[in-house]
C-alpha atoms as a PDB file:
ATOM      1  CA  MET A   1     -13.779  -3.057  23.816  1.00  0.00           C
ATOM      2  CA  LYS A   2      -9.974  -3.315  24.677  1.00  0.00           C
ATOM      3  CA  PHE A   3      -7.579  -1.339  23.299  1.00  0.00           C
ATOM      4  CA  LEU A   4      -4.908  -3.796  21.161  1.00  0.00           C
ATOM      5  CA  THR A   5      -2.273  -2.514  19.422  1.00  0.00           C
ATOM      6  CA  SER A   6      -1.748   1.181  17.057  1.00  0.00           C
ATOM      7  CA  GLY A   7      -0.095   0.897  13.687  1.00  0.00           C
ATOM      8  CA  LYS A   8       1.338   3.778  11.437  1.00  0.00           C
ATOM      9  CA  VAL A   9      -2.228   4.847  10.450  1.00  0.00           C
ATOM     10  CA  LYS A  10      -4.606   2.787  12.665  1.00  0.00           C
ATOM     11  CA  ASP A  11      -5.527   1.630  15.612  1.00  0.00           C
ATOM     12  CA  LEU A  12      -6.759  -2.049  16.595  1.00  0.00           C
ATOM     13  CA  TYR A  13      -9.427  -2.621  19.492  1.00  0.00           C
ATOM     14  CA  ASN A  14     -10.910  -6.110  20.159  1.00  0.00           C
ATOM     15  CA  ILE A  15     -14.546  -6.454  20.183  1.00  0.00           C
ATOM     16  CA  ASP A  16     -14.843 -10.702  20.559  1.00  0.00           C
ATOM     17  CA  GLU A  17     -13.161 -13.663  20.100  1.00  0.00           C
ATOM     18  CA  ASN A  18     -14.157 -13.198  16.609  1.00  0.00           C
ATOM     19  CA  THR A  19     -13.504  -9.638  15.561  1.00  0.00           C
ATOM     20  CA  ILE A  20     -11.601  -6.887  15.555  1.00  0.00           C
ATOM     21  CA  LEU A  21     -12.015  -2.885  15.186  1.00  0.00           C
ATOM     22  CA  PHE A  22     -10.088  -0.935  13.073  1.00  0.00           C
ATOM     23  CA  LYS A  23      -9.899   2.659  13.689  1.00  0.00           C
ATOM     24  CA  PHE A  24      -8.080   4.864  10.818  1.00  0.00           C
ATOM     25  CA  SER A  25      -6.438   7.872  12.005  1.00  0.00           C
ATOM     26  CA  ASP A  26      -5.175  11.018   9.764  1.00  0.00           C
ATOM     27  CA  ARG A  27      -1.932  10.096  11.049  1.00  0.00           C
ATOM     28  CA  VAL A  28       0.941   9.627   8.051  1.00  0.00           C
ATOM     29  CA  SER A  29       4.115   8.023   7.793  1.00  0.00           C
ATOM     30  CA  ALA A  30       6.694   7.873   4.698  1.00  0.00           C
ATOM     31  CA  TYR A  31      10.460   5.955   4.264  1.00  0.00           C
ATOM     32  CA  ASP A  32       9.079   4.247   7.919  1.00  0.00           C
ATOM     33  CA  VAL A  33       9.076   7.467   9.525  1.00  0.00           C
ATOM     34  CA  LYS A  34       6.030   8.794  11.535  1.00  0.00           C
ATOM     35  CA  PHE A  35       5.244  12.767  11.241  1.00  0.00           C
ATOM     36  CA  ASN A  36       3.699  14.501  13.644  1.00  0.00           C
ATOM     37  CA  GLN A  37       1.150  16.396  11.883  1.00  0.00           C
ATOM     38  CA  ASP A  38      -2.117  15.246  10.263  1.00  0.00           C
ATOM     39  CA  ILE A  39      -3.581  14.871   7.273  1.00  0.00           C
ATOM     40  CA  PRO A  40      -7.532  15.871   7.644  1.00  0.00           C
ATOM     41  CA  GLN A  41      -9.796  13.666   6.043  1.00  0.00           C
ATOM     42  CA  LYS A  42      -7.158  10.413   5.460  1.00  0.00           C
ATOM     43  CA  GLY A  43      -8.381   8.065   8.304  1.00  0.00           C
ATOM     44  CA  GLU A  44     -12.056   8.707   6.396  1.00  0.00           C
ATOM     45  CA  VAL A  45     -10.649   8.010   2.852  1.00  0.00           C
ATOM     46  CA  LEU A  46      -9.236   4.924   4.071  1.00  0.00           C
ATOM     47  CA  CYS A  47     -11.843   3.968   6.334  1.00  0.00           C
ATOM     48  CA  LYS A  48     -14.594   4.195   3.061  1.00  0.00           C
ATOM     49  CA  PHE A  49     -11.763   2.663   0.628  1.00  0.00           C
ATOM     50  CA  ALA A  50     -11.144  -0.118   2.442  1.00  0.00           C
ATOM     51  CA  GLU A  51     -14.910  -0.708   2.734  1.00  0.00           C
ATOM     52  CA  PHE A  52     -15.338   0.157  -1.350  1.00  0.00           C
ATOM     53  CA  TRP A  53     -12.247  -2.370  -2.052  1.00  0.00           C
ATOM     54  CA  PHE A  54     -13.451  -5.558   0.038  1.00  0.00           C
ATOM     55  CA  ASN A  55     -17.095  -4.957  -1.214  1.00  0.00           C
ATOM     56  CA  LYS A  56     -15.968  -4.791  -4.735  1.00  0.00           C
ATOM     57  CA  LEU A  57     -13.234  -7.152  -4.880  1.00  0.00           C
ATOM     58  CA  ASP A  58     -15.064 -11.138  -5.610  1.00  0.00           C
ATOM     59  CA  ILE A  59     -12.607 -12.734  -3.169  1.00  0.00           C
ATOM     60  CA  PRO A  60     -12.516 -13.720   0.390  1.00  0.00           C
ATOM     61  CA  ASN A  61     -11.675 -10.964   2.950  1.00  0.00           C
ATOM     62  CA  HIS A  62     -12.126 -10.244   6.321  1.00  0.00           C
ATOM     63  CA  PHE A  63     -14.198  -7.472   6.108  1.00  0.00           C
ATOM     64  CA  ILE A  64     -17.780  -7.710   8.045  1.00  0.00           C
ATOM     65  CA  ARG A  65     -19.155  -3.735   8.102  1.00  0.00           C
ATOM     66  CA  ARG A  66     -18.309  -0.508   8.422  1.00  0.00           C
ATOM     67  CA  GLU A  67     -18.998   1.275  11.983  1.00  0.00           C
ATOM     68  CA  SER A  68     -18.579   4.875  11.236  1.00  0.00           C
ATOM     69  CA  ASP A  69     -16.452   7.045   8.878  1.00  0.00           C
ATOM     70  CA  THR A  70     -13.126   6.123  10.333  1.00  0.00           C
ATOM     71  CA  GLU A  71     -13.798   2.413  11.885  1.00  0.00           C
ATOM     72  CA  ILE A  72     -14.559  -0.977  10.470  1.00  0.00           C
ATOM     73  CA  VAL A  73     -15.272  -4.551  11.868  1.00  0.00           C
ATOM     74  CA  VAL A  74     -13.372  -7.294  10.268  1.00  0.00           C
ATOM     75  CA  LYS A  75     -12.859 -11.027  11.452  1.00  0.00           C
ATOM     76  CA  LYS A  76      -9.913 -12.024  13.426  1.00  0.00           C
ATOM     77  CA  MET A  77      -7.296 -14.258  11.557  1.00  0.00           C
ATOM     78  CA  LYS A  78      -3.842 -15.276  11.425  1.00  0.00           C
ATOM     79  CA  MET A  79      -1.768 -13.140   8.974  1.00  0.00           C
ATOM     80  CA  LEU A  80       0.963 -14.275   6.988  1.00  0.00           C
ATOM     81  CA  PRO A  81       4.293 -12.790   7.232  1.00  0.00           C
ATOM     82  CA  ILE A  82       4.144 -11.774   3.903  1.00  0.00           C
ATOM     83  CA  GLU A  83       3.328  -8.564   1.905  1.00  0.00           C
ATOM     84  CA  CYS A  84       2.220  -9.258  -1.575  1.00  0.00           C
ATOM     85  CA  VAL A  85       3.531  -6.183  -3.870  1.00  0.00           C
ATOM     86  CA  VAL A  86       2.426  -6.431  -7.330  1.00  0.00           C
ATOM     87  CA  ARG A  87       4.097  -3.469  -9.498  1.00  0.00           C
ATOM     88  CA  GLY A  88       2.656  -3.078 -12.820  1.00  0.00           C
ATOM     89  CA  TYR A  89       5.261  -0.179 -13.786  1.00  0.00           C
ATOM     90  CA  PHE A  90       8.905   0.673 -13.535  1.00  0.00           C
ATOM     91  CA  TYR A  91       8.761   3.061 -10.886  1.00  0.00           C
ATOM     92  CA  GLY A  92       9.123   3.657  -7.213  1.00  0.00           C
ATOM     93  CA  SER A  93      11.870   0.758  -5.295  1.00  0.00           C
ATOM     94  CA  LEU A  94      11.547  -1.645  -8.141  1.00  0.00           C
ATOM     95  CA  VAL A  95      14.049   1.333 -10.143  1.00  0.00           C
ATOM     96  CA  SER A  96      16.640   1.745  -7.881  1.00  0.00           C
ATOM     97  CA  ARG A  97      16.760  -2.063  -7.153  1.00  0.00           C
ATOM     98  CA  TRP A  98      17.306  -2.395 -11.013  1.00  0.00           C
ATOM     99  CA  GLU A  99      20.102  -0.300 -10.878  1.00  0.00           C
ATOM    100  CA  LYS A 100      21.797  -2.107  -8.239  1.00  0.00           C
ATOM    101  CA  GLY A 101      21.380  -5.659  -9.663  1.00  0.00           C
ATOM    102  CA  GLU A 102      19.127  -6.483  -6.627  1.00  0.00           C
ATOM    103  CA  VAL A 103      16.110  -7.424  -8.721  1.00  0.00           C
ATOM    104  CA  ASN A 104      15.693  -8.606 -12.244  1.00  0.00           C
ATOM    105  CA  VAL A 105      12.485  -7.415 -14.419  1.00  0.00           C
ATOM    106  CA  PRO A 106      11.578  -9.667 -17.767  1.00  0.00           C
ATOM    107  CA  ASP A 107      13.649  -9.415 -20.501  1.00  0.00           C
ATOM    108  CA  GLY A 108      11.919  -6.639 -22.983  1.00  0.00           C
ATOM    109  CA  THR A 109      11.106  -4.677 -20.635  1.00  0.00           C
ATOM    110  CA  ASP A 110      11.428  -0.813 -21.048  1.00  0.00           C
ATOM    111  CA  THR A 111      13.697   0.582 -18.135  1.00  0.00           C
ATOM    112  CA  THR A 112      12.185   4.432 -18.468  1.00  0.00           C
ATOM    113  CA  LEU A 113      10.947   5.655 -15.562  1.00  0.00           C
ATOM    114  CA  ALA A 114       7.022   4.720 -15.318  1.00  0.00           C
ATOM    115  CA  ALA A 115       7.478   2.838 -18.362  1.00  0.00           C
ATOM    116  CA  LYS A 116       4.843  -0.064 -18.262  1.00  0.00           C
ATOM    117  CA  LEU A 117       5.749  -3.530 -17.821  1.00  0.00           C
ATOM    118  CA  PRO A 118       5.356  -6.456 -20.099  1.00  0.00           C
ATOM    119  CA  GLU A 119       3.357  -8.149 -17.243  1.00  0.00           C
ATOM    120  CA  PRO A 120       2.650  -7.435 -13.944  1.00  0.00           C
ATOM    121  CA  LEU A 121       5.612  -8.371 -11.661  1.00  0.00           C
ATOM    122  CA  PHE A 122       5.253  -9.976  -8.314  1.00  0.00           C
ATOM    123  CA  ASP A 123       7.646  -8.386  -5.621  1.00  0.00           C
ATOM    124  CA  PRO A 124       6.743  -9.447  -2.273  1.00  0.00           C
ATOM    125  CA  THR A 125       8.506  -8.667   0.990  1.00  0.00           C
ATOM    126  CA  THR A 126       8.919  -9.346   4.380  1.00  0.00           C
ATOM    127  CA  LYS A 127       6.691  -7.952   7.044  1.00  0.00           C
ATOM    128  CA  SER A 128       8.660  -5.730   9.421  1.00  0.00           C
ATOM    129  CA  GLU A 129       9.710  -2.562  10.663  1.00  0.00           C
ATOM    130  CA  HIS A 130      11.492  -2.075   7.342  1.00  0.00           C
ATOM    131  CA  ASP A 131      10.634  -4.599   5.071  1.00  0.00           C
ATOM    132  CA  ILE A 132      12.939  -6.557   2.807  1.00  0.00           C
ATOM    133  CA  PRO A 133      12.371  -7.390  -0.908  1.00  0.00           C
ATOM    134  CA  ILE A 134      11.757 -11.527  -0.978  1.00  0.00           C
ATOM    135  CA  ASP A 135      11.419 -13.505  -4.044  1.00  0.00           C
ATOM    136  CA  LYS A 136      10.271 -16.947  -4.011  1.00  0.00           C
ATOM    137  CA  THR A 137      13.631 -18.900  -3.046  1.00  0.00           C
ATOM    138  CA  LYS A 138      13.423 -16.455   0.031  1.00  0.00           C
ATOM    139  CA  ALA A 139      10.402 -16.772   1.029  1.00  0.00           C
ATOM    140  CA  LEU A 140      10.328 -20.741   1.464  1.00  0.00           C
ATOM    141  CA  ASP A 141      14.033 -20.525   2.679  1.00  0.00           C
ATOM    142  CA  MET A 142      12.565 -18.227   5.852  1.00  0.00           C
ATOM    143  CA  ASN A 143       9.440 -20.596   6.508  1.00  0.00           C
ATOM    144  CA  LEU A 144       7.475 -17.490   5.479  1.00  0.00           C
ATOM    145  CA  VAL A 145       4.735 -19.669   3.391  1.00  0.00           C
ATOM    146  CA  THR A 146       4.668 -23.194   1.703  1.00  0.00           C
ATOM    147  CA  GLU A 147       5.305 -23.567  -1.849  1.00  0.00           C
ATOM    148  CA  GLU A 148       1.522 -23.934  -2.565  1.00  0.00           C
ATOM    149  CA  GLN A 149       0.716 -20.683  -0.801  1.00  0.00           C
ATOM    150  CA  TYR A 150       3.448 -18.745  -2.707  1.00  0.00           C
ATOM    151  CA  ASN A 151       2.087 -19.731  -5.690  1.00  0.00           C
ATOM    152  CA  TRP A 152      -1.579 -18.855  -4.770  1.00  0.00           C
ATOM    153  CA  LEU A 153      -0.353 -15.456  -3.268  1.00  0.00           C
ATOM    154  CA  GLU A 154       1.305 -14.658  -6.811  1.00  0.00           C
ATOM    155  CA  LYS A 155      -1.526 -15.244  -9.136  1.00  0.00           C
ATOM    156  CA  THR A 156      -4.414 -13.779  -6.941  1.00  0.00           C
ATOM    157  CA  SER A 157      -2.189 -10.782  -5.878  1.00  0.00           C
ATOM    158  CA  ILE A 158      -1.660 -10.365  -9.503  1.00  0.00           C
ATOM    159  CA  ASP A 159      -5.701 -11.265 -10.593  1.00  0.00           C
ATOM    160  CA  ILE A 160      -6.483  -8.255  -7.903  1.00  0.00           C
ATOM    161  CA  TYR A 161      -4.335  -6.200  -9.312  1.00  0.00           C
ATOM    162  CA  LYS A 162      -5.540  -6.164 -13.025  1.00  0.00           C
ATOM    163  CA  LYS A 163      -9.286  -5.838 -11.420  1.00  0.00           C
ATOM    164  CA  MET A 164      -8.143  -3.272  -9.658  1.00  0.00           C
ATOM    165  CA  ALA A 165      -6.494  -1.194 -12.481  1.00  0.00           C
ATOM    166  CA  SER A 166      -9.300  -2.001 -14.604  1.00  0.00           C
ATOM    167  CA  ILE A 167     -11.435  -0.186 -12.114  1.00  0.00           C
ATOM    168  CA  ALA A 168      -9.113   2.664 -11.890  1.00  0.00           C
ATOM    169  CA  ASN A 169      -8.713   2.892 -15.668  1.00  0.00           C
ATOM    170  CA  ASP A 170     -12.492   3.303 -16.330  1.00  0.00           C
ATOM    171  CA  VAL A 171     -12.749   6.723 -14.065  1.00  0.00           C
ATOM    172  CA  GLY A 172      -9.143   8.059 -15.647  1.00  0.00           C
ATOM    173  CA  PHE A 173      -6.441   6.774 -13.232  1.00  0.00           C
ATOM    174  CA  ILE A 174      -3.665   4.335 -13.301  1.00  0.00           C
ATOM    175  CA  LEU A 175      -3.241   1.947 -10.761  1.00  0.00           C
ATOM    176  CA  ALA A 176       0.776   1.680 -10.797  1.00  0.00           C
ATOM    177  CA  ASP A 177       1.364  -0.907  -7.958  1.00  0.00           C
ATOM    178  CA  LEU A 178      -0.244  -2.088  -5.163  1.00  0.00           C
ATOM    179  CA  LYS A 179       0.402  -3.978  -1.410  1.00  0.00           C
ATOM    180  CA  LEU A 180      -2.071  -6.736  -0.202  1.00  0.00           C
ATOM    181  CA  GLU A 181      -1.922  -8.444   2.852  1.00  0.00           C
ATOM    182  CA  PHE A 182      -3.788 -11.978   3.534  1.00  0.00           C
ATOM    183  CA  GLY A 183      -4.221 -14.215   6.575  1.00  0.00           C
ATOM    184  CA  LEU A 184      -5.935 -17.559   6.989  1.00  0.00           C
ATOM    185  CA  LEU A 185      -9.368 -18.173   8.619  1.00  0.00           C
ATOM    186  CA  ASP A 186     -10.644 -21.108   9.014  1.00  0.00           C
ATOM    187  CA  GLY A 187      -7.847 -22.912   7.163  1.00  0.00           C
ATOM    188  CA  GLN A 188      -8.483 -20.368   3.850  1.00  0.00           C
ATOM    189  CA  ILE A 189      -6.201 -17.939   2.586  1.00  0.00           C
ATOM    190  CA  THR A 190      -8.116 -14.699   2.906  1.00  0.00           C
ATOM    191  CA  LEU A 191      -7.416 -10.848   1.921  1.00  0.00           C
ATOM    192  CA  GLY A 192      -7.223  -9.022   4.853  1.00  0.00           C
ATOM    193  CA  ASP A 193      -5.511  -5.393   6.239  1.00  0.00           C
ATOM    194  CA  SER A 194      -7.017  -2.583   4.042  1.00  0.00           C
ATOM    195  CA  ILE A 195      -6.632  -1.420   0.876  1.00  0.00           C
ATOM    196  CA  GLY A 196      -6.278   2.191  -0.044  1.00  0.00           C
ATOM    197  CA  PRO A 197      -3.855   4.932  -1.031  1.00  0.00           C
ATOM    198  CA  ASP A 198      -1.315   4.144   1.767  1.00  0.00           C
ATOM    199  CA  GLU A 199      -1.381   1.010  -0.652  1.00  0.00           C
ATOM    200  CA  TYR A 200      -1.122   1.413  -3.526  1.00  0.00           C
ATOM    201  CA  ARG A 201       0.695   4.060  -6.335  1.00  0.00           C
ATOM    202  CA  LEU A 202      -2.482   6.057  -8.338  1.00  0.00           C
ATOM    203  CA  TRP A 203      -2.055   8.547 -11.220  1.00  0.00           C
ATOM    204  CA  PRO A 204      -4.226  10.362 -13.400  1.00  0.00           C
ATOM    205  CA  LYS A 205      -3.963   9.084 -17.017  1.00  0.00           C
ATOM    206  CA  ASP A 206      -4.554  12.854 -18.849  1.00  0.00           C
ATOM    207  CA  THR A 207      -1.092  13.885 -17.195  1.00  0.00           C
ATOM    208  CA  PHE A 208       0.645  10.843 -17.397  1.00  0.00           C
ATOM    209  CA  GLU A 209       4.270  10.590 -19.426  1.00  0.00           C
ATOM    210  CA  ILE A 210       6.617   8.120 -19.497  1.00  0.00           C
ATOM    211  CA  GLY A 211      10.464   9.012 -18.104  1.00  0.00           C
ATOM    212  CA  LYS A 212       9.006  11.417 -15.396  1.00  0.00           C
ATOM    213  CA  ILE A 213       7.786  11.492 -11.894  1.00  0.00           C
ATOM    214  CA  GLN A 214       4.064  11.186 -11.822  1.00  0.00           C
ATOM    215  CA  GLU A 215       1.455  12.947 -10.265  1.00  0.00           C
ATOM    216  CA  ALA A 216       0.617  10.948  -7.568  1.00  0.00           C
ATOM    217  CA  TYR A 217      -3.061  10.676  -5.676  1.00  0.00           C
ATOM    218  CA  ASP A 218      -1.891   8.274  -2.974  1.00  0.00           C
ATOM    219  CA  LYS A 219       1.233   8.982  -0.195  1.00  0.00           C
ATOM    220  CA  GLN A 220       3.842   9.159  -3.258  1.00  0.00           C
ATOM    221  CA  LEU A 221       3.380  12.893  -3.067  1.00  0.00           C
ATOM    222  CA  LEU A 222       4.930  12.953   0.563  1.00  0.00           C
ATOM    223  CA  ARG A 223       7.726  10.803  -0.345  1.00  0.00           C
ATOM    224  CA  ASP A 224       8.323  13.087  -3.555  1.00  0.00           C
ATOM    225  CA  TRP A 225       8.587  15.725  -1.306  1.00  0.00           C
ATOM    226  CA  LEU A 226      11.060  14.062   1.165  1.00  0.00           C
ATOM    227  CA  THR A 227      12.853  12.920  -2.006  1.00  0.00           C
ATOM    228  CA  ALA A 228      13.596  16.032  -3.348  1.00  0.00           C
ATOM    229  CA  ASN A 229      14.223  18.059  -0.463  1.00  0.00           C
ATOM    230  CA  GLY A 230      17.282  15.823   0.424  1.00  0.00           C
ATOM    231  CA  TYR A 231      15.121  14.029   3.503  1.00  0.00           C
ATOM    232  CA  GLN A 232      14.745  10.424   2.380  1.00  0.00           C
ATOM    233  CA  LYS A 233      18.637  10.155   2.082  1.00  0.00           C
ATOM    234  CA  GLN A 234      19.176  11.604   5.153  1.00  0.00           C
ATOM    235  CA  PHE A 235      16.705   9.054   6.799  1.00  0.00           C
ATOM    236  CA  ASP A 236      19.161   6.167   5.472  1.00  0.00           C
ATOM    237  CA  ASP A 237      22.367   7.722   6.549  1.00  0.00           C
ATOM    238  CA  THR A 238      20.749   8.442   9.947  1.00  0.00           C
ATOM    239  CA  ARG A 239      19.704   4.433  10.066  1.00  0.00           C
ATOM    240  CA  ASP A 240      22.749   3.669   8.756  1.00  0.00           C
ATOM    241  CA  ALA A 241      24.581   5.626  11.962  1.00  0.00           C
ATOM    242  CA  GLY A 242      22.267   3.153  14.205  1.00  0.00           C
ATOM    243  CA  ASN A 243      20.060   6.534  14.917  1.00  0.00           C
ATOM    244  CA  GLU A 244      16.074   6.624  14.267  1.00  0.00           C
ATOM    245  CA  PRO A 245      15.310   9.494  12.101  1.00  0.00           C
ATOM    246  CA  VAL A 246      13.265  12.584  13.301  1.00  0.00           C
ATOM    247  CA  ALA A 247      10.613  13.764  11.065  1.00  0.00           C
ATOM    248  CA  PRO A 248      10.533  17.434   9.321  1.00  0.00           C
ATOM    249  CA  GLU A 249       7.825  19.261   9.240  1.00  0.00           C
ATOM    250  CA  ILE A 250       5.500  18.808   6.218  1.00  0.00           C
ATOM    251  CA  PRO A 251       4.670  21.959   4.464  1.00  0.00           C
ATOM    252  CA  GLN A 252       0.984  23.407   4.641  1.00  0.00           C
ATOM    253  CA  GLU A 253       0.781  22.919   0.816  1.00  0.00           C
ATOM    254  CA  ILE A 254       1.816  19.295   0.871  1.00  0.00           C
ATOM    255  CA  ILE A 255      -0.664  18.443   3.310  1.00  0.00           C
ATOM    256  CA  SER A 256      -3.406  20.396   1.442  1.00  0.00           C
ATOM    257  CA  LYS A 257      -2.727  18.832  -1.765  1.00  0.00           C
ATOM    258  CA  MET A 258      -2.527  15.201   0.074  1.00  0.00           C
ATOM    259  CA  THR A 259      -6.196  15.768   1.458  1.00  0.00           C
ATOM    260  CA  GLU A 260      -7.425  17.205  -1.882  1.00  0.00           C
ATOM    261  CA  ARG A 261      -6.094  14.221  -3.716  1.00  0.00           C
ATOM    262  CA  TYR A 262      -7.187  11.738  -1.327  1.00  0.00           C
ATOM    263  CA  VAL A 263     -10.269  12.864  -1.483  1.00  0.00           C
ATOM    264  CA  THR A 264     -11.068  13.252  -4.933  1.00  0.00           C
ATOM    265  CA  ALA A 265      -9.636   9.735  -5.859  1.00  0.00           C
ATOM    266  CA  TYR A 266     -12.467   8.589  -3.392  1.00  0.00           C
ATOM    267  CA  GLU A 267     -15.031   9.883  -5.355  1.00  0.00           C
ATOM    268  CA  LYS A 268     -13.663   9.330  -8.414  1.00  0.00           C
ATOM    269  CA  LEU A 269     -13.565   5.590  -7.859  1.00  0.00           C
ATOM    270  CA  SER A 270     -16.477   4.765  -5.521  1.00  0.00           C
ATOM    271  CA  GLY A 271     -18.810   7.549  -7.436  1.00  0.00           C
ATOM    272  CA  LYS A 272     -19.664   8.489  -4.197  1.00  0.00           C
ATOM    273  CA  SER A 273     -19.143  12.219  -2.112  1.00  0.00           C
ATOM    274  CA  LEU A 274     -17.125  11.910   0.750  1.00  0.00           C
END
């Protein structure tokens, strides 16, 4: 096997001309900053979640098999340069972008924090070091996808979100939003990358309350700590000055809580022990 590249949380290895191995690590990043500390068991949870969701969703995908607790084998394909974000709730960056007038929400939308949107909203971004929100017009102007591909991605992403939200609801969770990636395999648009708590927000139903920051069973737990302690603003100010932010040390309490919640989410959704 030949090492190809390291992403934020996984390492890629070339197996042969048709297949790649994803090795999931315990690394963590937030607000496009990579942290020096690991989150124990995170890689195993991400790996097994990828297996779970790819097997659960009735759509062509690139998953072949799980190789170990932290490795999956997938088919090679040409990835589309667009991240397909679906939002079911008024939360996260959607709120700040709406406040700045950078994005429209459907008429009749309750703009209270964490309110459910009337219908899931397709809110894609570019794929880059710092993802940029786009709409259909921008996606076509930038030649990221064709109009036919964009329409297919919008409908399919929303359908996948609804299916996953239903599965989450059945075990006591709310799937607030979701990020998917697709590629071309033998000319067909195919679901790719991986799906897990680094790609969505997951909230427990029993503590859900509109108007407040929700309990996060995903990476949002780290983002919330960073925001509450002024690091998000610090990161933005550092980038505005033309420099790269330096990651602070994550408190052990946050690390332990993230491990516990990642494991709990996997075990409840999959019905399996880690």
